[in-house]
Amino acid sequence: MTTHTEDFLQRAKEAKQRITEVSPAEARDKIVEGALLLDLREKDKFELGHIKGALNISPDALDMRIGEVAPDKHAPIVCYCGGSNRAALTTDTLQQIGYTRVVSIQGGLKAYEADDET
């Protein structure tokens, strides 16, 4: 399990006030409707399991790659990570650079997988 610093957790908490978080069920609907799905975890974790159709992109590489994977700033994007903190920060960043329909899965992959089992 990843341990985050207090500073990181505080920044994620603040980002969550500025973004839209959706439930796992709402995320599924958006994915079915064709939203781009971004997995923001490390590559090794992505390779151990991810949501079908997800594109793995490191938050560190976001600035370099987002234009090629999401050239339309008005297309829907769903972001997730393990627990939702990194995804919240990335969603906030995407909004700041002009993406208008980007959301984060509340609770991250853990919540998404748990919801799938119900």
N, C-alpha and C. Protein backbone atom coordinates (compact mmCIF):
# COMPACT_ATOMS: atom_id res chain seq x y z
N MET A 1 0.83 -1.18 0.00
CA MET A 1 0.00 0.00 0.00
C MET A 1 0.88 1.24 0.00
N THR A 2 0.45 2.24 -0.77
CA THR A 2 1.21 3.47 -0.87
C THR A 2 0.92 4.36 0.33
N THR A 3 1.99 4.89 0.92
CA THR A 3 1.85 5.83 2.02
C THR A 3 2.08 7.23 1.48
N HIS A 4 1.13 8.10 1.69
CA HIS A 4 1.23 9.47 1.20
C HIS A 4 1.64 10.41 2.32
N THR A 5 2.33 11.49 1.96
CA THR A 5 2.72 12.50 2.94
C THR A 5 1.49 13.32 3.32
N GLU A 6 1.58 13.99 4.45
CA GLU A 6 0.49 14.88 4.88
C GLU A 6 0.24 15.97 3.85
N ASP A 7 1.32 16.51 3.27
CA ASP A 7 1.20 17.56 2.26
C ASP A 7 0.42 17.05 1.05
N PHE A 8 0.78 15.84 0.59
CA PHE A 8 0.09 15.25 -0.56
C PHE A 8 -1.39 15.07 -0.25
N LEU A 9 -1.69 14.52 0.92
CA LEU A 9 -3.09 14.29 1.30
C LEU A 9 -3.86 15.60 1.41
N GLN A 10 -3.22 16.64 1.90
CA GLN A 10 -3.88 17.95 2.01
C GLN A 10 -4.17 18.52 0.62
N ARG A 11 -3.19 18.40 -0.29
CA ARG A 11 -3.41 18.90 -1.66
C ARG A 11 -4.52 18.11 -2.35
N ALA A 12 -4.58 16.81 -2.11
CA ALA A 12 -5.64 15.98 -2.70
C ALA A 12 -7.00 16.38 -2.13
N LYS A 13 -7.05 16.64 -0.83
CA LYS A 13 -8.31 17.05 -0.19
C LYS A 13 -8.79 18.38 -0.79
N GLU A 14 -7.87 19.30 -0.99
CA GLU A 14 -8.23 20.59 -1.59
C GLU A 14 -8.69 20.42 -3.03
N ALA A 15 -8.01 19.55 -3.78
CA ALA A 15 -8.39 19.30 -5.18
C ALA A 15 -9.80 18.73 -5.25
N LYS A 16 -10.14 17.86 -4.31
CA LYS A 16 -11.47 17.24 -4.32
C LYS A 16 -12.58 18.26 -4.13
N GLN A 17 -12.25 19.42 -3.59
CA GLN A 17 -13.25 20.48 -3.45
C GLN A 17 -13.51 21.18 -4.80
N ARG A 18 -12.58 21.03 -5.73
CA ARG A 18 -12.67 21.74 -7.02
C ARG A 18 -13.09 20.85 -8.18
N ILE A 19 -13.16 19.55 -7.96
CA ILE A 19 -13.44 18.62 -9.06
C ILE A 19 -14.77 17.92 -8.85
N THR A 20 -15.16 17.13 -9.83
CA THR A 20 -16.34 16.28 -9.71
C THR A 20 -15.88 14.85 -9.51
N GLU A 21 -16.32 14.26 -8.40
CA GLU A 21 -16.07 12.84 -8.18
C GLU A 21 -17.38 12.11 -8.48
N VAL A 22 -17.27 10.98 -9.16
CA VAL A 22 -18.45 10.20 -9.50
C VAL A 22 -18.36 8.84 -8.82
N SER A 23 -19.51 8.26 -8.58
CA SER A 23 -19.56 6.92 -7.98
C SER A 23 -19.05 5.90 -9.00
N PRO A 24 -18.66 4.72 -8.54
CA PRO A 24 -18.25 3.68 -9.49
C PRO A 24 -19.34 3.40 -10.54
N ALA A 25 -20.60 3.40 -10.14
CA ALA A 25 -21.69 3.15 -11.09
C ALA A 25 -21.77 4.25 -12.15
N GLU A 26 -21.64 5.50 -11.71
CA GLU A 26 -21.64 6.63 -12.66
C GLU A 26 -20.44 6.54 -13.59
N ALA A 27 -19.29 6.12 -13.07
CA ALA A 27 -18.10 5.96 -13.89
C ALA A 27 -18.33 4.89 -14.96
N ARG A 28 -18.95 3.77 -14.56
CA ARG A 28 -19.25 2.71 -15.53
C ARG A 28 -20.10 3.25 -16.67
N ASP A 29 -21.11 4.04 -16.34
CA ASP A 29 -21.97 4.62 -17.38
C ASP A 29 -21.16 5.48 -18.33
N LYS A 30 -20.28 6.31 -17.80
CA LYS A 30 -19.46 7.20 -18.64
C LYS A 30 -18.51 6.39 -19.52
N ILE A 31 -17.96 5.31 -18.97
CA ILE A 31 -17.05 4.46 -19.73
C ILE A 31 -17.80 3.78 -20.88
N VAL A 32 -18.99 3.26 -20.58
CA VAL A 32 -19.82 2.62 -21.61
C VAL A 32 -20.17 3.62 -22.71
N GLU A 33 -20.37 4.88 -22.32
CA GLU A 33 -20.71 5.92 -23.29
C GLU A 33 -19.50 6.41 -24.08
N GLY A 34 -18.31 5.87 -23.76
CA GLY A 34 -17.13 6.19 -24.56
C GLY A 34 -16.13 7.15 -23.95
N ALA A 35 -16.24 7.43 -22.66
CA ALA A 35 -15.26 8.33 -22.02
C ALA A 35 -13.87 7.70 -22.06
N LEU A 36 -12.86 8.55 -22.21
CA LEU A 36 -11.48 8.10 -22.10
C LEU A 36 -11.22 7.76 -20.64
N LEU A 37 -10.63 6.60 -20.40
CA LEU A 37 -10.39 6.12 -19.04
C LEU A 37 -8.89 6.15 -18.77
N LEU A 38 -8.47 6.96 -17.79
CA LEU A 38 -7.06 7.11 -17.46
C LEU A 38 -6.75 6.47 -16.11
N ASP A 39 -5.85 5.50 -16.12
CA ASP A 39 -5.34 4.87 -14.91
C ASP A 39 -4.04 5.57 -14.57
N LEU A 40 -3.97 6.20 -13.40
CA LEU A 40 -2.84 7.05 -13.03
C LEU A 40 -1.86 6.39 -12.08
N ARG A 41 -1.95 5.07 -11.96
CA ARG A 41 -1.04 4.35 -11.06
C ARG A 41 0.27 4.02 -11.76
N GLU A 42 1.23 3.54 -10.98
CA GLU A 42 2.50 3.10 -11.54
C GLU A 42 2.25 1.93 -12.49
N LYS A 43 3.14 1.81 -13.47
CA LYS A 43 2.99 0.77 -14.50
C LYS A 43 2.88 -0.63 -13.91
N ASP A 44 3.70 -0.94 -12.89
CA ASP A 44 3.66 -2.29 -12.32
C ASP A 44 2.32 -2.59 -11.68
N LYS A 45 1.71 -1.61 -11.05
CA LYS A 45 0.38 -1.82 -10.46
C LYS A 45 -0.68 -1.97 -11.55
N PHE A 46 -0.55 -1.16 -12.61
CA PHE A 46 -1.47 -1.26 -13.74
C PHE A 46 -1.43 -2.66 -14.34
N GLU A 47 -0.22 -3.20 -14.48
CA GLU A 47 -0.07 -4.52 -15.09
C GLU A 47 -0.64 -5.63 -14.22
N LEU A 48 -0.76 -5.39 -12.92
CA LEU A 48 -1.35 -6.39 -12.02
C LEU A 48 -2.88 -6.42 -12.13
N GLY A 49 -3.46 -5.39 -12.68
CA GLY A 49 -4.90 -5.34 -12.86
C GLY A 49 -5.38 -3.91 -13.00
N HIS A 50 -6.35 -3.74 -13.90
CA HIS A 50 -6.90 -2.41 -14.15
C HIS A 50 -8.30 -2.55 -14.75
N ILE A 51 -8.98 -1.42 -14.86
CA ILE A 51 -10.31 -1.43 -15.47
C ILE A 51 -10.13 -1.62 -16.97
N LYS A 52 -10.90 -2.52 -17.54
CA LYS A 52 -10.81 -2.83 -18.96
C LYS A 52 -10.94 -1.56 -19.79
N GLY A 53 -10.01 -1.40 -20.71
CA GLY A 53 -10.04 -0.25 -21.61
C GLY A 53 -9.26 0.95 -21.11
N ALA A 54 -8.70 0.85 -19.91
CA ALA A 54 -7.97 1.99 -19.33
C ALA A 54 -6.63 2.19 -20.03
N LEU A 55 -6.24 3.44 -20.11
CA LEU A 55 -4.93 3.83 -20.62
C LEU A 55 -4.09 4.22 -19.42
N ASN A 56 -2.93 3.60 -19.28
CA ASN A 56 -2.05 3.90 -18.15
C ASN A 56 -1.18 5.09 -18.50
N ILE A 57 -1.30 6.15 -17.69
CA ILE A 57 -0.49 7.35 -17.91
C ILE A 57 -0.04 7.87 -16.56
N SER A 58 1.24 8.02 -16.42
CA SER A 58 1.80 8.52 -15.16
C SER A 58 1.49 10.01 -15.02
N PRO A 59 1.12 10.45 -13.82
CA PRO A 59 0.91 11.89 -13.62
C PRO A 59 2.15 12.70 -14.00
N ASP A 60 3.33 12.11 -13.86
CA ASP A 60 4.56 12.80 -14.24
C ASP A 60 4.65 13.02 -15.75
N ALA A 61 4.05 12.13 -16.52
CA ALA A 61 4.09 12.23 -17.98
C ALA A 61 2.86 12.92 -18.55
N LEU A 62 1.95 13.33 -17.70
CA LEU A 62 0.68 13.90 -18.14
C LEU A 62 0.87 15.08 -19.09
N ASP A 63 1.69 16.03 -18.70
CA ASP A 63 1.89 17.21 -19.54
C ASP A 63 2.36 16.87 -20.94
N MET A 64 3.23 15.85 -21.03
CA MET A 64 3.77 15.47 -22.34
C MET A 64 2.79 14.65 -23.17
N ARG A 65 1.95 13.85 -22.51
CA ARG A 65 1.13 12.88 -23.25
C ARG A 65 -0.34 13.25 -23.41
N ILE A 66 -0.87 14.12 -22.58
CA ILE A 66 -2.32 14.34 -22.60
C ILE A 66 -2.81 14.86 -23.95
N GLY A 67 -2.04 15.69 -24.60
CA GLY A 67 -2.46 16.21 -25.90
C GLY A 67 -2.61 15.14 -26.96
N GLU A 68 -1.79 14.10 -26.89
CA GLU A 68 -1.89 13.02 -27.87
C GLU A 68 -3.01 12.04 -27.54
N VAL A 69 -3.26 11.79 -26.25
CA VAL A 69 -4.30 10.82 -25.89
C VAL A 69 -5.67 11.46 -25.78
N ALA A 70 -5.70 12.77 -25.55
CA ALA A 70 -6.98 13.48 -25.42
C ALA A 70 -6.88 14.85 -26.09
N PRO A 71 -6.84 14.88 -27.41
CA PRO A 71 -6.71 16.17 -28.10
C PRO A 71 -7.94 17.07 -27.97
N ASP A 72 -9.12 16.47 -27.77
CA ASP A 72 -10.36 17.23 -27.62
C ASP A 72 -10.59 17.55 -26.14
N LYS A 73 -10.45 18.81 -25.77
CA LYS A 73 -10.58 19.21 -24.37
C LYS A 73 -12.02 19.17 -23.87
N HIS A 74 -12.96 18.86 -24.77
CA HIS A 74 -14.37 18.78 -24.36
C HIS A 74 -14.89 17.34 -24.35
N ALA A 75 -14.01 16.39 -24.64
CA ALA A 75 -14.40 14.98 -24.61
C ALA A 75 -14.38 14.49 -23.16
N PRO A 76 -15.27 13.56 -22.82
CA PRO A 76 -15.31 13.06 -21.44
C PRO A 76 -14.09 12.21 -21.08
N ILE A 77 -13.60 12.43 -19.86
CA ILE A 77 -12.45 11.69 -19.35
C ILE A 77 -12.79 11.24 -17.93
N VAL A 78 -12.49 9.98 -17.63
CA VAL A 78 -12.65 9.44 -16.28
C VAL A 78 -11.25 9.07 -15.78
N CYS A 79 -10.85 9.63 -14.63
CA CYS A 79 -9.55 9.36 -14.03
C CYS A 79 -9.71 8.47 -12.80
N TYR A 80 -8.72 7.59 -12.59
CA TYR A 80 -8.72 6.82 -11.35
C TYR A 80 -7.31 6.42 -10.99
N CYS A 81 -7.14 6.11 -9.72
CA CYS A 81 -5.89 5.57 -9.19
C CYS A 81 -6.32 4.53 -8.15
N GLY A 82 -5.46 4.17 -7.25
CA GLY A 82 -5.81 3.16 -6.26
C GLY A 82 -6.91 3.60 -5.31
N GLY A 83 -6.76 4.77 -4.75
CA GLY A 83 -7.71 5.20 -3.74
C GLY A 83 -8.40 6.52 -3.98
N SER A 84 -8.00 7.28 -4.97
CA SER A 84 -8.63 8.50 -5.47
C SER A 84 -7.83 9.78 -5.25
N ASN A 85 -6.76 9.76 -4.49
CA ASN A 85 -6.01 11.00 -4.25
C ASN A 85 -5.24 11.47 -5.48
N ARG A 86 -4.46 10.60 -6.08
CA ARG A 86 -3.71 10.98 -7.27
C ARG A 86 -4.66 11.36 -8.41
N ALA A 87 -5.76 10.64 -8.54
CA ALA A 87 -6.73 10.95 -9.58
C ALA A 87 -7.36 12.32 -9.35
N ALA A 88 -7.62 12.66 -8.10
CA ALA A 88 -8.19 13.98 -7.80
C ALA A 88 -7.23 15.08 -8.22
N LEU A 89 -5.95 14.92 -7.90
CA LEU A 89 -4.96 15.92 -8.28
C LEU A 89 -4.84 16.03 -9.80
N THR A 90 -4.86 14.90 -10.49
CA THR A 90 -4.75 14.92 -11.94
C THR A 90 -6.00 15.52 -12.57
N THR A 91 -7.16 15.19 -12.05
CA THR A 91 -8.41 15.77 -12.55
C THR A 91 -8.37 17.28 -12.40
N ASP A 92 -7.91 17.75 -11.26
CA ASP A 92 -7.78 19.18 -11.01
C ASP A 92 -6.82 19.82 -12.03
N THR A 93 -5.70 19.18 -12.27
CA THR A 93 -4.73 19.69 -13.24
C THR A 93 -5.34 19.76 -14.63
N LEU A 94 -6.05 18.71 -15.03
CA LEU A 94 -6.67 18.70 -16.35
C LEU A 94 -7.68 19.84 -16.49
N GLN A 95 -8.45 20.09 -15.45
CA GLN A 95 -9.40 21.21 -15.47
C GLN A 95 -8.65 22.54 -15.64
N GLN A 96 -7.54 22.68 -14.94
CA GLN A 96 -6.78 23.92 -15.00
C GLN A 96 -6.21 24.19 -16.39
N ILE A 97 -5.94 23.13 -17.15
CA ILE A 97 -5.40 23.33 -18.50
C ILE A 97 -6.50 23.28 -19.57
N GLY A 98 -7.75 23.30 -19.13
CA GLY A 98 -8.84 23.50 -20.08
C GLY A 98 -9.74 22.33 -20.39
N TYR A 99 -9.54 21.18 -19.76
CA TYR A 99 -10.43 20.04 -19.99
C TYR A 99 -11.73 20.29 -19.23
N THR A 100 -12.85 20.14 -19.91
CA THR A 100 -14.13 20.56 -19.34
C THR A 100 -15.02 19.43 -18.84
N ARG A 101 -14.72 18.19 -19.22
CA ARG A 101 -15.60 17.07 -18.84
C ARG A 101 -14.81 15.95 -18.20
N VAL A 102 -13.97 16.30 -17.25
CA VAL A 102 -13.12 15.31 -16.59
C VAL A 102 -13.61 15.07 -15.17
N VAL A 103 -13.67 13.80 -14.79
CA VAL A 103 -14.14 13.41 -13.46
C VAL A 103 -13.19 12.38 -12.88
N SER A 104 -13.30 12.18 -11.59
CA SER A 104 -12.50 11.20 -10.87
C SER A 104 -13.44 10.19 -10.22
N ILE A 105 -13.03 8.92 -10.17
CA ILE A 105 -13.85 7.90 -9.52
C ILE A 105 -13.66 8.02 -8.01
N GLN A 106 -14.75 8.28 -7.31
CA GLN A 106 -14.71 8.39 -5.85
C GLN A 106 -14.28 7.06 -5.25
N GLY A 107 -13.20 7.07 -4.47
CA GLY A 107 -12.71 5.85 -3.86
C GLY A 107 -11.75 5.06 -4.73
N GLY A 108 -11.55 5.49 -5.96
CA GLY A 108 -10.58 4.87 -6.86
C GLY A 108 -10.90 3.45 -7.27
N LEU A 109 -9.86 2.75 -7.68
CA LEU A 109 -10.02 1.38 -8.16
C LEU A 109 -10.58 0.47 -7.08
N LYS A 110 -10.18 0.69 -5.85
CA LYS A 110 -10.69 -0.14 -4.74
C LYS A 110 -12.21 -0.08 -4.69
N ALA A 111 -12.76 1.12 -4.75
CA ALA A 111 -14.21 1.27 -4.69
C ALA A 111 -14.87 0.72 -5.95
N TYR A 112 -14.24 0.92 -7.09
CA TYR A 112 -14.78 0.43 -8.36
C TYR A 112 -14.89 -1.10 -8.34
N GLU A 113 -13.83 -1.75 -7.88
CA GLU A 113 -13.85 -3.21 -7.83
C GLU A 113 -14.81 -3.72 -6.77
N ALA A 114 -14.89 -3.05 -5.62
CA ALA A 114 -15.82 -3.46 -4.58
C ALA A 114 -17.26 -3.32 -5.04
N ASP A 115 -17.54 -2.24 -5.80
CA ASP A 115 -18.89 -2.00 -6.32
C ASP A 115 -19.26 -3.07 -7.33
N ASP A 116 -18.29 -3.55 -8.07
CA ASP A 116 -18.53 -4.57 -9.10
C ASP A 116 -18.91 -5.91 -8.48
N GLU A 117 -18.51 -6.11 -7.21
CA GLU A 117 -18.79 -7.38 -6.55
C GLU A 117 -20.16 -7.41 -5.88
N THR A 118 -20.82 -6.26 -5.83
CA THR A 118 -22.13 -6.20 -5.16
C THR A 118 -23.24 -6.59 -6.09
